[in-house]
Amino acid sequence: MDEDISRLKTTAVGLLSDLGCNGSTLAEDLINEICRFGATELHAVSAFIGGIASQEVIKLITRQFVPMPGTFIFNGIDHKSQILSL
């Protein structure tokens, strides 16, 4: 994990300098948490999003109900969802 932390820190500093944010820094605990979390997914959130997606696909295939009229946004931290109309 130490190798991942140093690689992420180097990449983040390079990206910030490319964007013109030379004075900006990232908190050490933020980088450590990102590396610790890795590419894992929370099973409950994945199941919820998969259920919403499959429900919308069924609506499109069967043409029985009206699909969501826009973009579905889900905040897994607060467990809130929102549909943004296009």
PDB file of N, CA and C in Angstrom:
ATOM      1  N   MET A   1       0.828  -1.190   0.000  1.00  0.00           N
ATOM      2  CA  MET A   1       0.000   0.000   0.000  1.00  0.00           C
ATOM      3  C   MET A   1       0.873   1.255   0.000  1.00  0.00           C
ATOM      4  N   ASP A   2       2.063   1.183   0.573  1.00  0.00           N
ATOM      5  CA  ASP A   2       2.951   2.347   0.593  1.00  0.00           C
ATOM      6  C   ASP A   2       3.344   2.766  -0.816  1.00  0.00           C
ATOM      7  N   GLU A   3       3.522   1.789  -1.695  1.00  0.00           N
ATOM      8  CA  GLU A   3       3.856   2.104  -3.088  1.00  0.00           C
ATOM      9  C   GLU A   3       2.700   2.820  -3.772  1.00  0.00           C
ATOM     10  N   ASP A   4       1.461   2.363  -3.495  1.00  0.00           N
ATOM     11  CA  ASP A   4       0.281   3.012  -4.065  1.00  0.00           C
ATOM     12  C   ASP A   4       0.143   4.446  -3.578  1.00  0.00           C
ATOM     13  N   ILE A   5       0.411   4.665  -2.299  1.00  0.00           N
ATOM     14  CA  ILE A   5       0.303   6.014  -1.734  1.00  0.00           C
ATOM     15  C   ILE A   5       1.292   6.954  -2.405  1.00  0.00           C
ATOM     16  N   SER A   6       2.530   6.511  -2.574  1.00  0.00           N
ATOM     17  CA  SER A   6       3.531   7.385  -3.203  1.00  0.00           C
ATOM     18  C   SER A   6       3.208   7.628  -4.670  1.00  0.00           C
ATOM     19  N   ARG A   7       2.701   6.604  -5.374  1.00  0.00           N
ATOM     20  CA  ARG A   7       2.331   6.797  -6.787  1.00  0.00           C
ATOM     21  C   ARG A   7       1.152   7.747  -6.923  1.00  0.00           C
ATOM     22  N   LEU A   8       0.146   7.600  -6.054  1.00  0.00           N
ATOM     23  CA  LEU A   8      -1.017   8.484  -6.110  1.00  0.00           C
ATOM     24  C   LEU A   8      -0.620   9.916  -5.780  1.00  0.00           C
ATOM     25  N   LYS A   9       0.237  10.083  -4.787  1.00  0.00           N
ATOM     26  CA  LYS A   9       0.679  11.419  -4.405  1.00  0.00           C
ATOM     27  C   LYS A   9       1.427  12.092  -5.554  1.00  0.00           C
ATOM     28  N   THR A  10       2.310  11.344  -6.230  1.00  0.00           N
ATOM     29  CA  THR A  10       3.060  11.885  -7.371  1.00  0.00           C
ATOM     30  C   THR A  10       2.117  12.251  -8.511  1.00  0.00           C
ATOM     31  N   THR A  11       1.161  11.378  -8.788  1.00  0.00           N
ATOM     32  CA  THR A  11       0.195  11.649  -9.858  1.00  0.00           C
ATOM     33  C   THR A  11      -0.668  12.859  -9.533  1.00  0.00           C
ATOM     34  N   ALA A  12      -1.124  12.958  -8.288  1.00  0.00           N
ATOM     35  CA  ALA A  12      -1.989  14.072  -7.889  1.00  0.00           C
ATOM     36  C   ALA A  12      -1.247  15.401  -7.957  1.00  0.00           C
ATOM     37  N   VAL A  13       0.004  15.426  -7.502  1.00  0.00           N
ATOM     38  CA  VAL A  13       0.793  16.660  -7.555  1.00  0.00           C
ATOM     39  C   VAL A  13       1.036  17.053  -9.003  1.00  0.00           C
ATOM     40  N   GLY A  14       1.329  16.083  -9.870  1.00  0.00           N
ATOM     41  CA  GLY A  14       1.511  16.374 -11.287  1.00  0.00           C
ATOM     42  C   GLY A  14       0.255  16.911 -11.938  1.00  0.00           C
ATOM     43  N   LEU A  15      -0.885  16.320 -11.594  1.00  0.00           N
ATOM     44  CA  LEU A  15      -2.157  16.784 -12.144  1.00  0.00           C
ATOM     45  C   LEU A  15      -2.488  18.189 -11.667  1.00  0.00           C
ATOM     46  N   LEU A  16      -2.266  18.462 -10.397  1.00  0.00           N
ATOM     47  CA  LEU A  16      -2.530  19.805  -9.876  1.00  0.00           C
ATOM     48  C   LEU A  16      -1.634  20.843 -10.538  1.00  0.00           C
ATOM     49  N   SER A  17      -0.371  20.505 -10.783  1.00  0.00           N
ATOM     50  CA  SER A  17       0.515  21.469 -11.443  1.00  0.00           C
ATOM     51  C   SER A  17       0.123  21.657 -12.905  1.00  0.00           C
ATOM     52  N   ASP A  18      -0.343  20.593 -13.576  1.00  0.00           N
ATOM     53  CA  ASP A  18      -0.809  20.727 -14.956  1.00  0.00           C
ATOM     54  C   ASP A  18      -2.039  21.616 -15.055  1.00  0.00           C
ATOM     55  N   LEU A  19      -2.873  21.596 -14.020  1.00  0.00           N
ATOM     56  CA  LEU A  19      -4.081  22.410 -14.004  1.00  0.00           C
ATOM     57  C   LEU A  19      -3.823  23.836 -13.523  1.00  0.00           C
ATOM     58  N   GLY A  20      -2.587  24.119 -13.147  1.00  0.00           N
ATOM     59  CA  GLY A  20      -2.248  25.467 -12.703  1.00  0.00           C
ATOM     60  C   GLY A  20      -2.494  25.714 -11.233  1.00  0.00           C
ATOM     61  N   CYS A  21      -2.640  24.672 -10.456  1.00  0.00           N
ATOM     62  CA  CYS A  21      -2.875  24.790  -9.015  1.00  0.00           C
ATOM     63  C   CYS A  21      -1.592  24.456  -8.273  1.00  0.00           C
ATOM     64  N   ASN A  22      -0.538  25.165  -8.552  1.00  0.00           N
ATOM     65  CA  ASN A  22       0.770  24.828  -7.998  1.00  0.00           C
ATOM     66  C   ASN A  22       0.823  24.943  -6.482  1.00  0.00           C
ATOM     67  N   GLY A  23       0.084  25.865  -5.883  1.00  0.00           N
ATOM     68  CA  GLY A  23       0.118  26.053  -4.441  1.00  0.00           C
ATOM     69  C   GLY A  23      -0.786  25.104  -3.681  1.00  0.00           C
ATOM     70  N   SER A  24      -1.617  24.357  -4.397  1.00  0.00           N
ATOM     71  CA  SER A  24      -2.581  23.472  -3.733  1.00  0.00           C
ATOM     72  C   SER A  24      -1.913  22.174  -3.304  1.00  0.00           C
ATOM     73  N   THR A  25      -2.375  21.659  -2.164  1.00  0.00           N
ATOM     74  CA  THR A  25      -1.880  20.375  -1.668  1.00  0.00           C
ATOM     75  C   THR A  25      -3.062  19.498  -1.292  1.00  0.00           C
ATOM     76  N   LEU A  26      -2.806  18.222  -1.228  1.00  0.00           N
ATOM     77  CA  LEU A  26      -3.826  17.270  -0.799  1.00  0.00           C
ATOM     78  C   LEU A  26      -3.492  16.789   0.611  1.00  0.00           C
ATOM     79  N   ALA A  27      -4.511  16.604   1.415  1.00  0.00           N
ATOM     80  CA  ALA A  27      -4.302  16.132   2.776  1.00  0.00           C
ATOM     81  C   ALA A  27      -3.778  14.700   2.746  1.00  0.00           C
ATOM     82  N   GLU A  28      -2.850  14.407   3.629  1.00  0.00           N
ATOM     83  CA  GLU A  28      -2.237  13.084   3.691  1.00  0.00           C
ATOM     84  C   GLU A  28      -3.274  11.998   3.998  1.00  0.00           C
ATOM     85  N   ASP A  29      -4.219  12.296   4.899  1.00  0.00           N
ATOM     86  CA  ASP A  29      -5.222  11.289   5.241  1.00  0.00           C
ATOM     87  C   ASP A  29      -6.180  11.014   4.087  1.00  0.00           C
ATOM     88  N   LEU A  30      -6.400  12.014   3.220  1.00  0.00           N
ATOM     89  CA  LEU A  30      -7.244  11.814   2.042  1.00  0.00           C
ATOM     90  C   LEU A  30      -6.595  10.817   1.086  1.00  0.00           C
ATOM     91  N   ILE A  31      -5.316  10.991   0.827  1.00  0.00           N
ATOM     92  CA  ILE A  31      -4.598  10.080  -0.070  1.00  0.00           C
ATOM     93  C   ILE A  31      -4.552   8.681   0.536  1.00  0.00           C
ATOM     94  N   ASN A  32      -4.307   8.583   1.824  1.00  0.00           N
ATOM     95  CA  ASN A  32      -4.282   7.268   2.480  1.00  0.00           C
ATOM     96  C   ASN A  32      -5.636   6.577   2.401  1.00  0.00           C
ATOM     97  N   GLU A  33      -6.716   7.326   2.584  1.00  0.00           N
ATOM     98  CA  GLU A  33      -8.052   6.739   2.540  1.00  0.00           C
ATOM     99  C   GLU A  33      -8.397   6.261   1.135  1.00  0.00           C
ATOM    100  N   ILE A  34      -8.028   7.027   0.117  1.00  0.00           N
ATOM    101  CA  ILE A  34      -8.290   6.608  -1.263  1.00  0.00           C
ATOM    102  C   ILE A  34      -7.557   5.310  -1.567  1.00  0.00           C
ATOM    103  N   CYS A  35      -6.308   5.204  -1.153  1.00  0.00           N
ATOM    104  CA  CYS A  35      -5.537   3.972  -1.395  1.00  0.00           C
ATOM    105  C   CYS A  35      -6.072   2.807  -0.566  1.00  0.00           C
ATOM    106  N   ARG A  36      -6.512   3.060   0.638  1.00  0.00           N
ATOM    107  CA  ARG A  36      -7.049   1.991   1.479  1.00  0.00           C
ATOM    108  C   ARG A  36      -8.352   1.461   0.901  1.00  0.00           C
ATOM    109  N   PHE A  37      -9.187   2.367   0.412  1.00  0.00           N
ATOM    110  CA  PHE A  37     -10.479   1.984  -0.145  1.00  0.00           C
ATOM    111  C   PHE A  37     -10.297   1.222  -1.450  1.00  0.00           C
ATOM    112  N   GLY A  38      -9.342   1.631  -2.254  1.00  0.00           N
ATOM    113  CA  GLY A  38      -9.055   0.940  -3.509  1.00  0.00           C
ATOM    114  C   GLY A  38     -10.217   0.983  -4.469  1.00  0.00           C
ATOM    115  N   ALA A  39     -10.427  -0.090  -5.169  1.00  0.00           N
ATOM    116  CA  ALA A  39     -11.488  -0.159  -6.172  1.00  0.00           C
ATOM    117  C   ALA A  39     -12.672  -0.974  -5.673  1.00  0.00           C
ATOM    118  N   THR A  40     -12.872  -1.029  -4.364  1.00  0.00           N
ATOM    119  CA  THR A  40     -13.974  -1.813  -3.833  1.00  0.00           C
ATOM    120  C   THR A  40     -15.289  -1.067  -4.001  1.00  0.00           C
ATOM    121  N   GLU A  41     -16.359  -1.818  -3.982  1.00  0.00           N
ATOM    122  CA  GLU A  41     -17.685  -1.230  -4.069  1.00  0.00           C
ATOM    123  C   GLU A  41     -18.506  -1.718  -2.887  1.00  0.00           C
ATOM    124  N   LEU A  42     -19.377  -0.896  -2.435  1.00  0.00           N
ATOM    125  CA  LEU A  42     -20.299  -1.317  -1.391  1.00  0.00           C
ATOM    126  C   LEU A  42     -21.402  -2.143  -2.039  1.00  0.00           C
ATOM    127  N   HIS A  43     -21.633  -3.338  -1.543  1.00  0.00           N
ATOM    128  CA  HIS A  43     -22.572  -4.249  -2.186  1.00  0.00           C
ATOM    129  C   HIS A  43     -23.992  -3.698  -2.198  1.00  0.00           C
ATOM    130  N   ALA A  44     -24.386  -3.044  -1.130  1.00  0.00           N
ATOM    131  CA  ALA A  44     -25.755  -2.519  -1.072  1.00  0.00           C
ATOM    132  C   ALA A  44     -25.962  -1.415  -2.103  1.00  0.00           C
ATOM    133  N   VAL A  45     -24.974  -0.555  -2.274  1.00  0.00           N
ATOM    134  CA  VAL A  45     -25.087   0.524  -3.259  1.00  0.00           C
ATOM    135  C   VAL A  45     -25.099  -0.057  -4.666  1.00  0.00           C
ATOM    136  N   SER A  46     -24.243  -1.042  -4.921  1.00  0.00           N
ATOM    137  CA  SER A  46     -24.206  -1.683  -6.237  1.00  0.00           C
ATOM    138  C   SER A  46     -25.532  -2.363  -6.548  1.00  0.00           C
ATOM    139  N   ALA A  47     -26.110  -3.035  -5.570  1.00  0.00           N
ATOM    140  CA  ALA A  47     -27.387  -3.708  -5.778  1.00  0.00           C
ATOM    141  C   ALA A  47     -28.493  -2.694  -6.052  1.00  0.00           C
ATOM    142  N   PHE A  48     -28.472  -1.588  -5.342  1.00  0.00           N
ATOM    143  CA  PHE A  48     -29.493  -0.554  -5.544  1.00  0.00           C
ATOM    144  C   PHE A  48     -29.405   0.037  -6.950  1.00  0.00           C
ATOM    145  N   ILE A  49     -28.210   0.421  -7.356  1.00  0.00           N
ATOM    146  CA  ILE A  49     -28.026   1.015  -8.690  1.00  0.00           C
ATOM    147  C   ILE A  49     -28.370  -0.013  -9.775  1.00  0.00           C
ATOM    148  N   GLY A  50     -27.977  -1.271  -9.576  1.00  0.00           N
ATOM    149  CA  GLY A  50     -28.327  -2.318 -10.540  1.00  0.00           C
ATOM    150  C   GLY A  50     -29.827  -2.523 -10.639  1.00  0.00           C
ATOM    151  N   GLY A  51     -30.525  -2.445  -9.517  1.00  0.00           N
ATOM    152  CA  GLY A  51     -31.979  -2.573  -9.520  1.00  0.00           C
ATOM    153  C   GLY A  51     -32.658  -1.442 -10.266  1.00  0.00           C
ATOM    154  N   ILE A  52     -32.185  -0.230 -10.053  1.00  0.00           N
ATOM    155  CA  ILE A  52     -32.744   0.927 -10.764  1.00  0.00           C
ATOM    156  C   ILE A  52     -32.502   0.779 -12.268  1.00  0.00           C
ATOM    157  N   ALA A  53     -31.272   0.407 -12.639  1.00  0.00           N
ATOM    158  CA  ALA A  53     -30.936   0.265 -14.060  1.00  0.00           C
ATOM    159  C   ALA A  53     -31.774  -0.824 -14.721  1.00  0.00           C
ATOM    160  N   SER A  54     -31.921  -1.968 -14.052  1.00  0.00           N
ATOM    161  CA  SER A  54     -32.700  -3.060 -14.651  1.00  0.00           C
ATOM    162  C   SER A  54     -34.179  -2.698 -14.762  1.00  0.00           C
ATOM    163  N   GLN A  55     -34.692  -1.960 -13.793  1.00  0.00           N
ATOM    164  CA  GLN A  55     -36.084  -1.527 -13.854  1.00  0.00           C
ATOM    165  C   GLN A  55     -36.313  -0.616 -15.060  1.00  0.00           C
ATOM    166  N   GLU A  56     -35.367   0.273 -15.317  1.00  0.00           N
ATOM    167  CA  GLU A  56     -35.505   1.178 -16.453  1.00  0.00           C
ATOM    168  C   GLU A  56     -35.374   0.432 -17.778  1.00  0.00           C
ATOM    169  N   VAL A  57     -34.514  -0.566 -17.837  1.00  0.00           N
ATOM    170  CA  VAL A  57     -34.378  -1.368 -19.058  1.00  0.00           C
ATOM    171  C   VAL A  57     -35.667  -2.135 -19.333  1.00  0.00           C
ATOM    172  N   ILE A  58     -36.267  -2.688 -18.288  1.00  0.00           N
ATOM    173  CA  ILE A  58     -37.532  -3.406 -18.464  1.00  0.00           C
ATOM    174  C   ILE A  58     -38.615  -2.461 -18.975  1.00  0.00           C
ATOM    175  N   LYS A  59     -38.650  -1.244 -18.472  1.00  0.00           N
ATOM    176  CA  LYS A  59     -39.618  -0.256 -18.958  1.00  0.00           C
ATOM    177  C   LYS A  59     -39.417   0.020 -20.438  1.00  0.00           C
ATOM    178  N   LEU A  60     -38.158   0.129 -20.862  1.00  0.00           N
ATOM    179  CA  LEU A  60     -37.879   0.407 -22.270  1.00  0.00           C
ATOM    180  C   LEU A  60     -38.237  -0.778 -23.162  1.00  0.00           C
ATOM    181  N   ILE A  61     -37.929  -1.989 -22.725  1.00  0.00           N
ATOM    182  CA  ILE A  61     -38.188  -3.176 -23.549  1.00  0.00           C
ATOM    183  C   ILE A  61     -39.671  -3.479 -23.660  1.00  0.00           C
ATOM    184  N   THR A  62     -40.391  -3.424 -22.532  1.00  0.00           N
ATOM    185  CA  THR A  62     -41.811  -3.787 -22.543  1.00  0.00           C
ATOM    186  C   THR A  62     -42.716  -2.649 -22.997  1.00  0.00           C
ATOM    187  N   ARG A  63     -42.234  -1.452 -22.945  1.00  0.00           N
ATOM    188  CA  ARG A  63     -43.011  -0.256 -23.309  1.00  0.00           C
ATOM    189  C   ARG A  63     -44.318  -0.166 -22.520  1.00  0.00           C
ATOM    190  N   GLN A  64     -44.275  -0.612 -21.259  1.00  0.00           N
ATOM    191  CA  GLN A  64     -45.476  -0.563 -20.425  1.00  0.00           C
ATOM    192  C   GLN A  64     -45.545   0.702 -19.576  1.00  0.00           C
ATOM    193  N   PHE A  65     -44.418   1.163 -19.098  1.00  0.00           N
ATOM    194  CA  PHE A  65     -44.404   2.314 -18.208  1.00  0.00           C
ATOM    195  C   PHE A  65     -43.471   3.369 -18.788  1.00  0.00           C
ATOM    196  N   VAL A  66     -43.530   4.562 -18.235  1.00  0.00           N
ATOM    197  CA  VAL A  66     -42.703   5.666 -18.717  1.00  0.00           C
ATOM    198  C   VAL A  66     -41.352   5.637 -18.002  1.00  0.00           C
ATOM    199  N   PRO A  67     -40.246   5.593 -18.750  1.00  0.00           N
ATOM    200  CA  PRO A  67     -38.917   5.622 -18.122  1.00  0.00           C
ATOM    201  C   PRO A  67     -38.641   6.975 -17.466  1.00  0.00           C
ATOM    202  N   MET A  68     -37.615   7.018 -16.652  1.00  0.00           N
ATOM    203  CA  MET A  68     -37.234   8.277 -16.004  1.00  0.00           C
ATOM    204  C   MET A  68     -36.914   9.325 -17.064  1.00  0.00           C
ATOM    205  N   PRO A  69     -37.409  10.540 -16.875  1.00  0.00           N
ATOM    206  CA  PRO A  69     -37.222  11.570 -17.901  1.00  0.00           C
ATOM    207  C   PRO A  69     -35.948  12.387 -17.725  1.00  0.00           C
ATOM    208  N   GLY A  70     -34.826  11.771 -17.522  1.00  0.00           N
ATOM    209  CA  GLY A  70     -33.596  12.539 -17.355  1.00  0.00           C
ATOM    210  C   GLY A  70     -32.490  11.694 -16.772  1.00  0.00           C
ATOM    211  N   THR A  71     -31.614  12.344 -16.039  1.00  0.00           N
ATOM    212  CA  THR A  71     -30.452  11.692 -15.450  1.00  0.00           C
ATOM    213  C   THR A  71     -30.720  11.402 -13.976  1.00  0.00           C
ATOM    214  N   PHE A  72     -30.484  10.156 -13.579  1.00  0.00           N
ATOM    215  CA  PHE A  72     -30.692   9.740 -12.190  1.00  0.00           C
ATOM    216  C   PHE A  72     -29.387   9.917 -11.429  1.00  0.00           C
ATOM    217  N   ILE A  73     -29.420  10.671 -10.342  1.00  0.00           N
ATOM    218  CA  ILE A  73     -28.256  10.909  -9.494  1.00  0.00           C
ATOM    219  C   ILE A  73     -28.530  10.278  -8.129  1.00  0.00           C
ATOM    220  N   PHE A  74     -27.575   9.468  -7.643  1.00  0.00           N
ATOM    221  CA  PHE A  74     -27.731   8.840  -6.325  1.00  0.00           C
ATOM    222  C   PHE A  74     -26.533   9.188  -5.469  1.00  0.00           C
ATOM    223  N   ASN A  75     -26.785   9.723  -4.285  1.00  0.00           N
ATOM    224  CA  ASN A  75     -25.747  10.038  -3.321  1.00  0.00           C
ATOM    225  C   ASN A  75     -25.724   8.913  -2.299  1.00  0.00           C
ATOM    226  N   GLY A  76     -24.706   8.044  -2.393  1.00  0.00           N
ATOM    227  CA  GLY A  76     -24.626   6.895  -1.513  1.00  0.00           C
ATOM    228  C   GLY A  76     -24.294   7.244  -0.081  1.00  0.00           C
ATOM    229  N   ILE A  77     -23.727   8.408   0.160  1.00  0.00           N
ATOM    230  CA  ILE A  77     -23.387   8.812   1.521  1.00  0.00           C
ATOM    231  C   ILE A  77     -24.639   9.198   2.294  1.00  0.00           C
ATOM    232  N   ASP A  78     -25.478  10.035   1.679  1.00  0.00           N
ATOM    233  CA  ASP A  78     -26.699  10.502   2.336  1.00  0.00           C
ATOM    234  C   ASP A  78     -27.919   9.659   1.996  1.00  0.00           C
ATOM    235  N   HIS A  79     -27.776   8.700   1.075  1.00  0.00           N
ATOM    236  CA  HIS A  79     -28.869   7.845   0.619  1.00  0.00           C
ATOM    237  C   HIS A  79     -30.022   8.685   0.071  1.00  0.00           C
ATOM    238  N   LYS A  80     -29.669   9.641  -0.786  1.00  0.00           N
ATOM    239  CA  LYS A  80     -30.671  10.477  -1.434  1.00  0.00           C
ATOM    240  C   LYS A  80     -30.514  10.329  -2.930  1.00  0.00           C
ATOM    241  N   SER A  81     -31.620  10.433  -3.627  1.00  0.00           N
ATOM    242  CA  SER A  81     -31.575  10.348  -5.095  1.00  0.00           C
ATOM    243  C   SER A  81     -32.338  11.535  -5.677  1.00  0.00           C
ATOM    244  N   GLN A  82     -32.016  11.797  -6.942  1.00  0.00           N
ATOM    245  CA  GLN A  82     -32.606  12.937  -7.636  1.00  0.00           C
ATOM    246  C   GLN A  82     -32.605  12.657  -9.119  1.00  0.00           C
ATOM    247  N   ILE A  83     -33.633  13.134  -9.823  1.00  0.00           N
ATOM    248  CA  ILE A  83     -33.664  13.022 -11.265  1.00  0.00           C
ATOM    249  C   ILE A  83     -33.516  14.432 -11.835  1.00  0.00           C
ATOM    250  N   LEU A  84     -32.516  14.610 -12.683  1.00  0.00           N
ATOM    251  CA  LEU A  84     -32.300  15.888 -13.344  1.00  0.00           C
ATOM    252  C   LEU A  84     -32.893  15.825 -14.735  1.00  0.00           C
ATOM    253  N   SER A  85     -33.873  16.667 -15.002  1.00  0.00           N
ATOM    254  CA  SER A  85     -34.525  16.681 -16.315  1.00  0.00           C
ATOM    255  C   SER A  85     -33.626  17.345 -17.338  1.00  0.00           C
ATOM    256  N   LEU A  86     -33.632  16.778 -18.511  1.00  0.00           N
ATOM    257  CA  LEU A  86     -32.810  17.313 -19.595  1.00  0.00           C
ATOM    258  C   LEU A  86     -33.508  18.429 -20.332  1.00  0.00           C
TER     259      LEU A  86
END
